[in-house]
Amino acid sequence: MAIDIRAMDLNLLKALDALLDERSVTRAAQRLSLTQPAVSGMLTRLRESFDDPLFVRTQRGITPTLRAQELAAPVKELLGGIESLLQPQVFDPATAQMTVQLASTDYALQAVVVPFLAMLRRHAPGVRVAVVPAQHLPVYERLERGDIDLALISPENTAPDLYARHLFDERYVCVMRAGHPDAKGGALSLDRFCALDHALISYTGGSFCGVTDEVLARLGRSRRVVLSITSFLVLPEILRNSDLIAVVPQRVVADARGLVVLEPPVAIPGFVKTAAWHERTHRSPGHRWVRSVLFDTCGCKEAGSPLHLPKLEKNY
């Protein structure tokens, strides 16, 4: 007769395991911190469930039947698995094997992911990171489904019920090649800034207008944008090989060789970079550790509250 698992009490299996080890109702009761009559009652229920005597009395105690002997190894393995399941998870970065799905904008790839990966590789060589584009990504749905685990986005794109962390505030600078005719003065006038040829990063592609142009328009001025590209990765090389200048987030050119960084002649509002994640991974020891590495890279500590901060990462 098949046993209905819904009717099986886990404590009965613990009693069976103790009886198999101790071969005595009295010693099994002591091991389980129960009374002898309680364990005798549990043995009665076990006999009914398995339709077998399970144990027979001898001069030295009780001896398991063949059916009980067959159950010994599976029951111990099952109880061990349950005990392991209920133990707190322990994460060891040095030996961990896991994959983190990270959504990133092109800007964050340069400013955040590059130093983050360098630190991660030093401490957790078995942790793999898959980076996917964050632009036009349904972030909440993909975090909820588990398609991604962590997103580097702007506060305006962070759903209210996601966990989020303010990573840093970014500011804009003006950058050009070291040998540029206007690099020696240490500053650009507004007239000269507007007269030079500019390169612009356009996330959507093809746009020749960004946040810098919005600021200039409020002053009744304009600049000459002659190049629109979608990626930061090629911009330093373009600037090193031309007399173009560009307004870019400071972090993407902090270590760029052969370039000169100047303050723009107008105040350009910066933006906020945020890390967002779902409840699904919030308590995972592995993901918590990975997030802590990210936050250390950005100079902050983990917090578990949604963010709504001003300014969105825009075209420049």
C-alpha atoms as a PDB file:
ATOM      1  CA  MET A   1       0.000   0.000   0.000  1.00  0.00           C
ATOM      2  CA  ALA A   2       1.409   3.374  -1.060  1.00  0.00           C
ATOM      3  CA  ILE A   3       2.036   5.947   1.681  1.00  0.00           C
ATOM      4  CA  ASP A   4       0.493   9.404   1.233  1.00  0.00           C
ATOM      5  CA  ILE A   5       3.376  11.807   1.851  1.00  0.00           C
ATOM      6  CA  ARG A   6       0.897  14.473   2.976  1.00  0.00           C
ATOM      7  CA  ALA A   7       0.021  12.297   5.966  1.00  0.00           C
ATOM      8  CA  MET A   8       3.623  11.550   6.925  1.00  0.00           C
ATOM      9  CA  ASP A   9       4.931  13.394   9.979  1.00  0.00           C
ATOM     10  CA  LEU A  10       8.608  14.319   9.731  1.00  0.00           C
ATOM     11  CA  ASN A  11       8.982  13.620  13.451  1.00  0.00           C
ATOM     12  CA  LEU A  12       8.068  10.002  12.792  1.00  0.00           C
ATOM     13  CA  LEU A  13      11.023   9.670  10.428  1.00  0.00           C
ATOM     14  CA  LYS A  14      13.289  11.224  13.069  1.00  0.00           C
ATOM     15  CA  ALA A  15      12.001   8.641  15.552  1.00  0.00           C
ATOM     16  CA  LEU A  16      12.583   5.826  13.052  1.00  0.00           C
ATOM     17  CA  ASP A  17      16.158   7.019  12.486  1.00  0.00           C
ATOM     18  CA  ALA A  18      16.812   7.132  16.245  1.00  0.00           C
ATOM     19  CA  LEU A  19      15.327   3.664  16.763  1.00  0.00           C
ATOM     20  CA  LEU A  20      17.463   2.239  13.938  1.00  0.00           C
ATOM     21  CA  ASP A  21      20.612   3.738  15.470  1.00  0.00           C
ATOM     22  CA  GLU A  22      19.904   2.989  19.132  1.00  0.00           C
ATOM     23  CA  ARG A  23      18.039  -0.358  18.842  1.00  0.00           C
ATOM     24  CA  SER A  24      16.258   0.658  22.062  1.00  0.00           C
ATOM     25  CA  VAL A  25      13.046   2.618  22.688  1.00  0.00           C
ATOM     26  CA  THR A  26      14.482   3.990  25.927  1.00  0.00           C
ATOM     27  CA  ARG A  27      17.724   5.272  24.358  1.00  0.00           C
ATOM     28  CA  ALA A  28      15.848   6.624  21.323  1.00  0.00           C
ATOM     29  CA  ALA A  29      13.552   8.557  23.671  1.00  0.00           C
ATOM     30  CA  GLN A  30      16.538  10.022  25.505  1.00  0.00           C
ATOM     31  CA  ARG A  31      18.135  11.062  22.191  1.00  0.00           C
ATOM     32  CA  LEU A  32      14.931  12.751  21.035  1.00  0.00           C
ATOM     33  CA  SER A  33      14.250  14.330  24.455  1.00  0.00           C
ATOM     34  CA  LEU A  34      10.886  12.544  24.584  1.00  0.00           C
ATOM     35  CA  THR A  35       9.257  10.128  26.994  1.00  0.00           C
ATOM     36  CA  GLN A  36       9.384   6.405  26.373  1.00  0.00           C
ATOM     37  CA  PRO A  37       5.571   6.158  25.946  1.00  0.00           C
ATOM     38  CA  ALA A  38       5.731   8.965  23.328  1.00  0.00           C
ATOM     39  CA  VAL A  39       8.324   7.079  21.281  1.00  0.00           C
ATOM     40  CA  SER A  40       6.339   3.828  21.659  1.00  0.00           C
ATOM     41  CA  GLY A  41       3.298   5.646  20.279  1.00  0.00           C
ATOM     42  CA  MET A  42       5.355   6.946  17.353  1.00  0.00           C
ATOM     43  CA  LEU A  43       6.580   3.418  16.625  1.00  0.00           C
ATOM     44  CA  THR A  44       2.949   2.271  16.493  1.00  0.00           C
ATOM     45  CA  ARG A  45       2.168   4.969  13.912  1.00  0.00           C
ATOM     46  CA  LEU A  46       5.261   4.027  11.912  1.00  0.00           C
ATOM     47  CA  ARG A  47       4.149   0.392  11.809  1.00  0.00           C
ATOM     48  CA  GLU A  48       0.741   1.470  10.523  1.00  0.00           C
ATOM     49  CA  SER A  49       2.268   3.748   7.886  1.00  0.00           C
ATOM     50  CA  PHE A  50       4.700   1.167   6.524  1.00  0.00           C
ATOM     51  CA  ASP A  51       2.465  -1.846   7.144  1.00  0.00           C
ATOM     52  CA  ASP A  52       5.374  -3.656   8.769  1.00  0.00           C
ATOM     53  CA  PRO A  53       6.418  -4.414  12.382  1.00  0.00           C
ATOM     54  CA  LEU A  54       9.740  -2.610  11.669  1.00  0.00           C
ATOM     55  CA  PHE A  55      11.230  -3.844  14.975  1.00  0.00           C
ATOM     56  CA  VAL A  56      10.935  -7.057  16.956  1.00  0.00           C
ATOM     57  CA  ARG A  57      11.825  -7.461  20.626  1.00  0.00           C
ATOM     58  CA  THR A  58      14.943  -9.380  21.662  1.00  0.00           C
ATOM     59  CA  GLN A  59      16.772  -9.901  24.959  1.00  0.00           C
ATOM     60  CA  ARG A  60      19.050  -6.938  24.151  1.00  0.00           C
ATOM     61  CA  GLY A  61      16.347  -4.542  22.983  1.00  0.00           C
ATOM     62  CA  ILE A  62      14.779  -4.382  19.542  1.00  0.00           C
ATOM     63  CA  THR A  63      15.992  -5.647  16.176  1.00  0.00           C
ATOM     64  CA  PRO A  64      14.955  -4.068  12.841  1.00  0.00           C
ATOM     65  CA  THR A  65      13.064  -6.123  10.311  1.00  0.00           C
ATOM     66  CA  LEU A  66      14.281  -6.386   6.719  1.00  0.00           C
ATOM     67  CA  ARG A  67      11.871  -3.568   5.776  1.00  0.00           C
ATOM     68  CA  ALA A  68      13.330  -1.315   8.494  1.00  0.00           C
ATOM     69  CA  GLN A  69      16.859  -2.096   7.323  1.00  0.00           C
ATOM     70  CA  GLU A  70      15.875  -1.120   3.779  1.00  0.00           C
ATOM     71  CA  LEU A  71      14.559   2.201   5.110  1.00  0.00           C
ATOM     72  CA  ALA A  72      17.660   3.043   7.181  1.00  0.00           C
ATOM     73  CA  ALA A  73      19.838   4.641   4.484  1.00  0.00           C
ATOM     74  CA  PRO A  74      17.060   6.551   2.624  1.00  0.00           C
ATOM     75  CA  VAL A  75      15.644   7.961   5.879  1.00  0.00           C
ATOM     76  CA  LYS A  76      19.055   9.144   7.095  1.00  0.00           C
ATOM     77  CA  GLU A  77      19.789  10.709   3.694  1.00  0.00           C
ATOM     78  CA  LEU A  78      16.393  12.439   3.655  1.00  0.00           C
ATOM     79  CA  LEU A  79      16.796  13.840   7.166  1.00  0.00           C
ATOM     80  CA  GLY A  80      20.323  14.990   6.377  1.00  0.00           C
ATOM     81  CA  GLY A  81      19.089  16.778   3.267  1.00  0.00           C
ATOM     82  CA  ILE A  82      16.333  18.527   5.207  1.00  0.00           C
ATOM     83  CA  GLU A  83      18.775  19.566   7.937  1.00  0.00           C
ATOM     84  CA  SER A  84      21.143  20.971   5.309  1.00  0.00           C
ATOM     85  CA  LEU A  85      18.255  22.791   3.658  1.00  0.00           C
ATOM     86  CA  LEU A  86      17.346  24.513   6.917  1.00  0.00           C
ATOM     87  CA  GLN A  87      20.901  25.624   7.747  1.00  0.00           C
ATOM     88  CA  PRO A  88      21.856  29.277   7.113  1.00  0.00           C
ATOM     89  CA  GLN A  89      23.561  29.755   3.749  1.00  0.00           C
ATOM     90  CA  VAL A  90      27.296  30.356   3.912  1.00  0.00           C
ATOM     91  CA  PHE A  91      28.998  32.216   1.045  1.00  0.00           C
ATOM     92  CA  ASP A  92      32.745  31.912   0.528  1.00  0.00           C
ATOM     93  CA  PRO A  93      33.888  34.272  -2.253  1.00  0.00           C
ATOM     94  CA  ALA A  94      37.149  32.416  -2.791  1.00  0.00           C
ATOM     95  CA  THR A  95      35.400  29.148  -3.708  1.00  0.00           C
ATOM     96  CA  ALA A  96      31.967  30.350  -4.872  1.00  0.00           C
ATOM     97  CA  GLN A  97      30.689  29.360  -8.304  1.00  0.00           C
ATOM     98  CA  MET A  98      27.836  31.602  -9.452  1.00  0.00           C
ATOM     99  CA  THR A  99      26.727  33.811 -12.346  1.00  0.00           C
ATOM    100  CA  VAL A 100      25.479  37.384 -11.938  1.00  0.00           C
ATOM    101  CA  GLN A 101      23.377  38.966 -14.691  1.00  0.00           C
ATOM    102  CA  LEU A 102      24.129  42.707 -14.736  1.00  0.00           C
ATOM    103  CA  ALA A 103      22.281  45.314 -16.818  1.00  0.00           C
ATOM    104  CA  SER A 104      24.375  48.383 -17.598  1.00  0.00           C
ATOM    105  CA  THR A 105      24.286  51.484 -19.742  1.00  0.00           C
ATOM    106  CA  ASP A 106      27.283  52.201 -21.946  1.00  0.00           C
ATOM    107  CA  TYR A 107      28.343  54.920 -19.522  1.00  0.00           C
ATOM    108  CA  ALA A 108      28.089  52.627 -16.467  1.00  0.00           C
ATOM    109  CA  LEU A 109      30.042  49.940 -18.307  1.00  0.00           C
ATOM    110  CA  GLN A 110      33.009  52.294 -18.460  1.00  0.00           C
ATOM    111  CA  ALA A 111      32.565  54.156 -15.180  1.00  0.00           C
ATOM    112  CA  VAL A 112      31.366  51.346 -12.888  1.00  0.00           C
ATOM    113  CA  VAL A 113      31.662  47.861 -14.384  1.00  0.00           C
ATOM    114  CA  VAL A 114      35.349  48.081 -15.328  1.00  0.00           C
ATOM    115  CA  PRO A 115      36.618  48.837 -11.762  1.00  0.00           C
ATOM    116  CA  PHE A 116      33.940  46.563 -10.260  1.00  0.00           C
ATOM    117  CA  LEU A 117      35.130  43.573 -12.296  1.00  0.00           C
ATOM    118  CA  ALA A 118      38.758  44.238 -11.367  1.00  0.00           C
ATOM    119  CA  MET A 119      37.892  44.034  -7.667  1.00  0.00           C
ATOM    120  CA  LEU A 120      35.566  41.060  -8.141  1.00  0.00           C
ATOM    121  CA  ARG A 121      38.194  39.021  -9.968  1.00  0.00           C
ATOM    122  CA  ARG A 122      40.689  39.513  -7.141  1.00  0.00           C
ATOM    123  CA  HIS A 123      38.381  38.163  -4.466  1.00  0.00           C
ATOM    124  CA  ALA A 124      35.988  35.768  -6.254  1.00  0.00           C
ATOM    125  CA  PRO A 125      37.535  34.207  -9.378  1.00  0.00           C
ATOM    126  CA  GLY A 126      34.652  31.723  -9.687  1.00  0.00           C
ATOM    127  CA  VAL A 127      31.951  34.390  -9.978  1.00  0.00           C
ATOM    128  CA  ARG A 128      30.952  35.017 -13.594  1.00  0.00           C
ATOM    129  CA  VAL A 129      29.316  38.263 -14.737  1.00  0.00           C
ATOM    130  CA  ALA A 130      27.102  38.548 -17.811  1.00  0.00           C
ATOM    131  CA  VAL A 131      26.608  42.201 -18.808  1.00  0.00           C
ATOM    132  CA  VAL A 132      23.579  43.125 -20.925  1.00  0.00           C
ATOM    133  CA  PRO A 133      22.496  46.562 -22.234  1.00  0.00           C
ATOM    134  CA  ALA A 134      20.190  48.523 -19.941  1.00  0.00           C
ATOM    135  CA  GLN A 135      18.847  51.000 -22.500  1.00  0.00           C
ATOM    136  CA  HIS A 136      15.157  50.474 -23.286  1.00  0.00           C
ATOM    137  CA  LEU A 137      15.164  47.441 -20.981  1.00  0.00           C
ATOM    138  CA  PRO A 138      11.970  46.544 -19.038  1.00  0.00           C
ATOM    139  CA  VAL A 139      14.079  46.471 -15.883  1.00  0.00           C
ATOM    140  CA  TYR A 140      11.449  45.549 -13.297  1.00  0.00           C
ATOM    141  CA  GLU A 141      10.019  42.657 -15.313  1.00  0.00           C
ATOM    142  CA  ARG A 142      13.438  41.223 -16.083  1.00  0.00           C
ATOM    143  CA  LEU A 143      14.589  41.525 -12.463  1.00  0.00           C
ATOM    144  CA  GLU A 144      11.384  39.836 -11.333  1.00  0.00           C
ATOM    145  CA  ARG A 145      11.762  36.983 -13.844  1.00  0.00           C
ATOM    146  CA  GLY A 146      15.418  36.476 -12.969  1.00  0.00           C
ATOM    147  CA  ASP A 147      16.697  37.454 -16.426  1.00  0.00           C
ATOM    148  CA  ILE A 148      18.915  39.987 -14.654  1.00  0.00           C
ATOM    149  CA  ASP A 149      20.033  40.229 -11.025  1.00  0.00           C
ATOM    150  CA  LEU A 150      21.281  43.801 -10.776  1.00  0.00           C
ATOM    151  CA  ALA A 151      20.729  46.928 -12.878  1.00  0.00           C
ATOM    152  CA  LEU A 152      22.881  50.044 -13.103  1.00  0.00           C
ATOM    153  CA  ILE A 153      20.315  52.656 -14.036  1.00  0.00           C
ATOM    154  CA  SER A 154      19.008  56.130 -13.175  1.00  0.00           C
ATOM    155  CA  PRO A 155      16.579  56.813 -10.308  1.00  0.00           C
ATOM    156  CA  GLU A 156      13.789  57.738 -12.719  1.00  0.00           C
ATOM    157  CA  ASN A 157      13.966  54.208 -14.155  1.00  0.00           C
ATOM    158  CA  THR A 158      13.852  52.546 -10.732  1.00  0.00           C
ATOM    159  CA  ALA A 159      10.399  51.157  -9.869  1.00  0.00           C
ATOM    160  CA  PRO A 160       9.174  52.104  -6.365  1.00  0.00           C
ATOM    161  CA  ASP A 161       9.075  48.507  -5.115  1.00  0.00           C
ATOM    162  CA  LEU A 162      12.629  47.642  -6.156  1.00  0.00           C
ATOM    163  CA  TYR A 163      15.512  47.775  -3.730  1.00  0.00           C
ATOM    164  CA  ALA A 164      17.977  50.456  -4.794  1.00  0.00           C
ATOM    165  CA  ARG A 165      21.198  52.152  -3.775  1.00  0.00           C
ATOM    166  CA  HIS A 166      22.466  55.578  -4.698  1.00  0.00           C
ATOM    167  CA  LEU A 167      25.964  54.915  -6.050  1.00  0.00           C
ATOM    168  CA  PHE A 168      27.234  58.421  -6.798  1.00  0.00           C
ATOM    169  CA  ASP A 169      26.479  61.834  -8.293  1.00  0.00           C
ATOM    170  CA  GLU A 170      28.136  62.455 -11.644  1.00  0.00           C
ATOM    171  CA  ARG A 171      29.268  65.787 -13.068  1.00  0.00           C
ATOM    172  CA  TYR A 172      30.170  66.866 -16.607  1.00  0.00           C
ATOM    173  CA  VAL A 173      33.544  68.045 -17.879  1.00  0.00           C
ATOM    174  CA  CYS A 174      34.883  69.244 -21.203  1.00  0.00           C
ATOM    175  CA  VAL A 175      37.568  67.064 -22.782  1.00  0.00           C
ATOM    176  CA  MET A 176      39.935  67.392 -25.772  1.00  0.00           C
ATOM    177  CA  ARG A 177      43.270  66.000 -26.940  1.00  0.00           C
ATOM    178  CA  ALA A 178      46.407  67.107 -25.114  1.00  0.00           C
ATOM    179  CA  GLY A 179      47.771  68.805 -28.253  1.00  0.00           C
ATOM    180  CA  HIS A 180      44.560  70.693 -29.002  1.00  0.00           C
ATOM    181  CA  PRO A 181      45.167  74.436 -29.701  1.00  0.00           C
ATOM    182  CA  ASP A 182      42.740  75.349 -26.900  1.00  0.00           C
ATOM    183  CA  ALA A 183      44.154  72.932 -24.315  1.00  0.00           C
ATOM    184  CA  LYS A 184      46.976  75.191 -23.099  1.00  0.00           C
ATOM    185  CA  GLY A 185      44.900  77.991 -21.641  1.00  0.00           C
ATOM    186  CA  GLY A 186      43.366  75.895 -18.875  1.00  0.00           C
ATOM    187  CA  ALA A 187      39.890  77.272 -19.531  1.00  0.00           C
ATOM    188  CA  LEU A 188      37.463  77.880 -22.390  1.00  0.00           C
ATOM    189  CA  SER A 189      35.408  81.003 -22.842  1.00  0.00           C
ATOM    190  CA  LEU A 190      31.772  80.539 -23.735  1.00  0.00           C
ATOM    191  CA  ASP A 191      32.376  82.055 -27.179  1.00  0.00           C
ATOM    192  CA  ARG A 192      35.249  79.696 -27.908  1.00  0.00           C
ATOM    193  CA  PHE A 193      33.319  76.726 -26.539  1.00  0.00           C
ATOM    194  CA  CYS A 194      30.435  77.455 -28.913  1.00  0.00           C
ATOM    195  CA  ALA A 195      32.756  78.025 -31.878  1.00  0.00           C
ATOM    196  CA  LEU A 196      34.582  74.677 -31.633  1.00  0.00           C
ATOM    197  CA  ASP A 197      33.394  71.445 -33.258  1.00  0.00           C
ATOM    198  CA  HIS A 198      31.815  69.027 -30.766  1.00  0.00           C
ATOM    199  CA  ALA A 199      31.230  65.290 -30.536  1.00  0.00           C
ATOM    200  CA  LEU A 200      28.102  64.100 -28.719  1.00  0.00           C
ATOM    201  CA  ILE A 201      27.043  60.775 -27.192  1.00  0.00           C
ATOM    202  CA  SER A 202      23.465  59.944 -28.192  1.00  0.00           C
ATOM    203  CA  TYR A 203      21.965  56.865 -26.518  1.00  0.00           C
ATOM    204  CA  THR A 204      19.156  56.609 -29.052  1.00  0.00           C
ATOM    205  CA  GLY A 205      21.522  57.325 -31.952  1.00  0.00           C
ATOM    206  CA  GLY A 206      21.469  60.127 -34.486  1.00  0.00           C
ATOM    207  CA  SER A 207      20.657  63.015 -32.138  1.00  0.00           C
ATOM    208  CA  PHE A 208      22.750  66.177 -32.300  1.00  0.00           C
ATOM    209  CA  CYS A 209      21.223  67.748 -29.211  1.00  0.00           C
ATOM    210  CA  GLY A 210      21.784  66.943 -25.548  1.00  0.00           C
ATOM    211  CA  VAL A 211      21.650  68.408 -22.058  1.00  0.00           C
ATOM    212  CA  THR A 212      24.511  70.791 -22.907  1.00  0.00           C
ATOM    213  CA  ASP A 213      22.493  72.236 -25.796  1.00  0.00           C
ATOM    214  CA  GLU A 214      19.475  72.688 -23.531  1.00  0.00           C
ATOM    215  CA  VAL A 215      21.593  74.776 -21.140  1.00  0.00           C
ATOM    216  CA  LEU A 216      23.039  76.846 -24.001  1.00  0.00           C
ATOM    217  CA  ALA A 217      19.585  77.417 -25.492  1.00  0.00           C
ATOM    218  CA  ARG A 218      18.410  78.973 -22.207  1.00  0.00           C
ATOM    219  CA  LEU A 219      21.286  81.428 -22.577  1.00  0.00           C
ATOM    220  CA  GLY A 220      20.392  82.141 -26.192  1.00  0.00           C
ATOM    221  CA  ARG A 221      23.520  80.332 -27.418  1.00  0.00           C
ATOM    222  CA  SER A 222      24.297  77.188 -29.416  1.00  0.00           C
ATOM    223  CA  ARG A 223      27.304  75.024 -30.244  1.00  0.00           C
ATOM    224  CA  ARG A 224      28.405  73.102 -33.350  1.00  0.00           C
ATOM    225  CA  VAL A 225      27.859  69.380 -32.902  1.00  0.00           C
ATOM    226  CA  VAL A 226      29.444  67.679 -35.921  1.00  0.00           C
ATOM    227  CA  LEU A 227      29.574  64.067 -34.654  1.00  0.00           C
ATOM    228  CA  SER A 228      26.907  61.967 -32.933  1.00  0.00           C
ATOM    229  CA  ILE A 229      27.871  58.481 -31.712  1.00  0.00           C
ATOM    230  CA  THR A 230      26.191  55.963 -29.412  1.00  0.00           C
ATOM    231  CA  SER A 231      29.151  54.692 -27.385  1.00  0.00           C
ATOM    232  CA  PHE A 232      31.689  56.131 -24.972  1.00  0.00           C
ATOM    233  CA  LEU A 233      34.182  53.400 -25.770  1.00  0.00           C
ATOM    234  CA  VAL A 234      35.390  54.900 -29.050  1.00  0.00           C
ATOM    235  CA  LEU A 235      35.122  58.566 -28.024  1.00  0.00           C
ATOM    236  CA  PRO A 236      38.600  58.951 -26.425  1.00  0.00           C
ATOM    237  CA  GLU A 237      40.264  57.636 -29.587  1.00  0.00           C
ATOM    238  CA  ILE A 238      38.211  60.001 -31.750  1.00  0.00           C
ATOM    239  CA  LEU A 239      39.220  62.972 -29.590  1.00  0.00           C
ATOM    240  CA  ARG A 240      42.897  61.969 -29.565  1.00  0.00           C
ATOM    241  CA  ASN A 241      42.911  61.971 -33.372  1.00  0.00           C
ATOM    242  CA  SER A 242      40.967  65.165 -34.073  1.00  0.00           C
ATOM    243  CA  ASP A 243      40.337  68.699 -32.854  1.00  0.00           C
ATOM    244  CA  LEU A 244      36.843  67.794 -31.705  1.00  0.00           C
ATOM    245  CA  ILE A 245      35.901  68.455 -28.095  1.00  0.00           C
ATOM    246  CA  ALA A 246      33.178  66.758 -26.032  1.00  0.00           C
ATOM    247  CA  VAL A 247      31.208  67.250 -22.849  1.00  0.00           C
ATOM    248  CA  VAL A 248      31.222  63.954 -20.960  1.00  0.00           C
ATOM    249  CA  PRO A 249      30.718  62.545 -17.447  1.00  0.00           C
ATOM    250  CA  GLN A 250      33.929  62.966 -15.472  1.00  0.00           C
ATOM    251  CA  ARG A 251      34.294  59.301 -14.519  1.00  0.00           C
ATOM    252  CA  VAL A 252      34.621  58.059 -18.108  1.00  0.00           C
ATOM    253  CA  VAL A 253      37.734  60.161 -18.738  1.00  0.00           C
ATOM    254  CA  ALA A 254      39.295  60.071 -15.270  1.00  0.00           C
ATOM    255  CA  ASP A 255      42.167  57.854 -16.466  1.00  0.00           C
ATOM    256  CA  ALA A 256      42.096  58.544 -20.204  1.00  0.00           C
ATOM    257  CA  ARG A 257      45.613  59.113 -21.537  1.00  0.00           C
ATOM    258  CA  GLY A 258      46.408  61.867 -23.997  1.00  0.00           C
ATOM    259  CA  LEU A 259      43.357  63.955 -23.077  1.00  0.00           C
ATOM    260  CA  VAL A 260      42.969  67.248 -21.247  1.00  0.00           C
ATOM    261  CA  VAL A 261      39.979  67.829 -18.968  1.00  0.00           C
ATOM    262  CA  LEU A 262      38.596  71.366 -18.490  1.00  0.00           C
ATOM    263  CA  GLU A 263      35.592  72.826 -16.740  1.00  0.00           C
ATOM    264  CA  PRO A 264      32.756  73.707 -19.136  1.00  0.00           C
ATOM    265  CA  PRO A 265      32.116  77.458 -19.421  1.00  0.00           C
ATOM    266  CA  VAL A 266      28.490  76.853 -18.381  1.00  0.00           C
ATOM    267  CA  ALA A 267      27.026  74.905 -15.460  1.00  0.00           C
ATOM    268  CA  ILE A 268      25.632  71.617 -16.816  1.00  0.00           C
ATOM    269  CA  PRO A 269      23.387  69.644 -14.418  1.00  0.00           C
ATOM    270  CA  GLY A 270      24.827  66.253 -13.583  1.00  0.00           C
ATOM    271  CA  PHE A 271      22.974  63.016 -12.928  1.00  0.00           C
ATOM    272  CA  VAL A 272      22.690  60.196 -10.401  1.00  0.00           C
ATOM    273  CA  LYS A 273      23.730  56.580 -10.920  1.00  0.00           C
ATOM    274  CA  THR A 274      21.725  53.931  -9.066  1.00  0.00           C
ATOM    275  CA  ALA A 275      21.975  50.170  -8.534  1.00  0.00           C
ATOM    276  CA  ALA A 276      18.614  48.371  -8.379  1.00  0.00           C
ATOM    277  CA  TRP A 277      17.677  44.799  -7.505  1.00  0.00           C
ATOM    278  CA  HIS A 278      14.595  42.717  -6.726  1.00  0.00           C
ATOM    279  CA  GLU A 279      13.330  41.074  -3.543  1.00  0.00           C
ATOM    280  CA  ARG A 280      14.184  37.771  -5.251  1.00  0.00           C
ATOM    281  CA  THR A 281      17.917  38.277  -4.611  1.00  0.00           C
ATOM    282  CA  HIS A 282      17.797  40.724  -1.707  1.00  0.00           C
ATOM    283  CA  ARG A 283      18.605  38.152   1.018  1.00  0.00           C
ATOM    284  CA  SER A 284      20.874  35.874  -1.003  1.00  0.00           C
ATOM    285  CA  PRO A 285      24.311  35.793   0.715  1.00  0.00           C
ATOM    286  CA  GLY A 286      26.069  35.526  -2.640  1.00  0.00           C
ATOM    287  CA  HIS A 287      24.240  38.435  -4.223  1.00  0.00           C
ATOM    288  CA  ARG A 288      24.583  40.533  -1.072  1.00  0.00           C
ATOM    289  CA  TRP A 289      28.341  40.014  -1.201  1.00  0.00           C
ATOM    290  CA  VAL A 290      28.513  40.891  -4.919  1.00  0.00           C
ATOM    291  CA  ARG A 291      26.518  44.066  -4.249  1.00  0.00           C
ATOM    292  CA  SER A 292      28.873  44.965  -1.392  1.00  0.00           C
ATOM    293  CA  VAL A 293      31.812  44.733  -3.813  1.00  0.00           C
ATOM    294  CA  LEU A 294      29.978  47.018  -6.231  1.00  0.00           C
ATOM    295  CA  PHE A 295      29.210  49.520  -3.475  1.00  0.00           C
ATOM    296  CA  ASP A 296      32.798  49.460  -2.206  1.00  0.00           C
ATOM    297  CA  THR A 297      33.954  50.138  -5.760  1.00  0.00           C
ATOM    298  CA  CYS A 298      31.697  53.188  -5.888  1.00  0.00           C
ATOM    299  CA  GLY A 299      32.633  54.289  -2.381  1.00  0.00           C
ATOM    300  CA  CYS A 300      29.332  53.549  -0.647  1.00  0.00           C
ATOM    301  CA  LYS A 301      27.641  50.908   1.522  1.00  0.00           C
ATOM    302  CA  GLU A 302      24.522  48.852   0.908  1.00  0.00           C
ATOM    303  CA  ALA A 303      21.131  50.224   1.861  1.00  0.00           C
ATOM    304  CA  GLY A 304      17.778  48.621   1.168  1.00  0.00           C
ATOM    305  CA  SER A 305      15.411  51.423   0.267  1.00  0.00           C
ATOM    306  CA  PRO A 306      14.012  52.710  -3.029  1.00  0.00           C
ATOM    307  CA  LEU A 307      15.415  55.936  -4.400  1.00  0.00           C
ATOM    308  CA  HIS A 308      13.851  58.869  -6.241  1.00  0.00           C
ATOM    309  CA  LEU A 309      16.578  61.397  -6.971  1.00  0.00           C
ATOM    310  CA  PRO A 310      16.803  64.175  -9.568  1.00  0.00           C
ATOM    311  CA  LYS A 311      18.383  64.234 -13.018  1.00  0.00           C
ATOM    312  CA  LEU A 312      18.473  61.555 -15.664  1.00  0.00           C
ATOM    313  CA  GLU A 313      21.493  60.407 -17.641  1.00  0.00           C
ATOM    314  CA  LYS A 314      21.014  62.146 -21.012  1.00  0.00           C
ATOM    315  CA  ASN A 315      22.723  62.904 -24.303  1.00  0.00           C
ATOM    316  CA  TYR A 316      25.686  65.230 -23.785  1.00  0.00           C
END
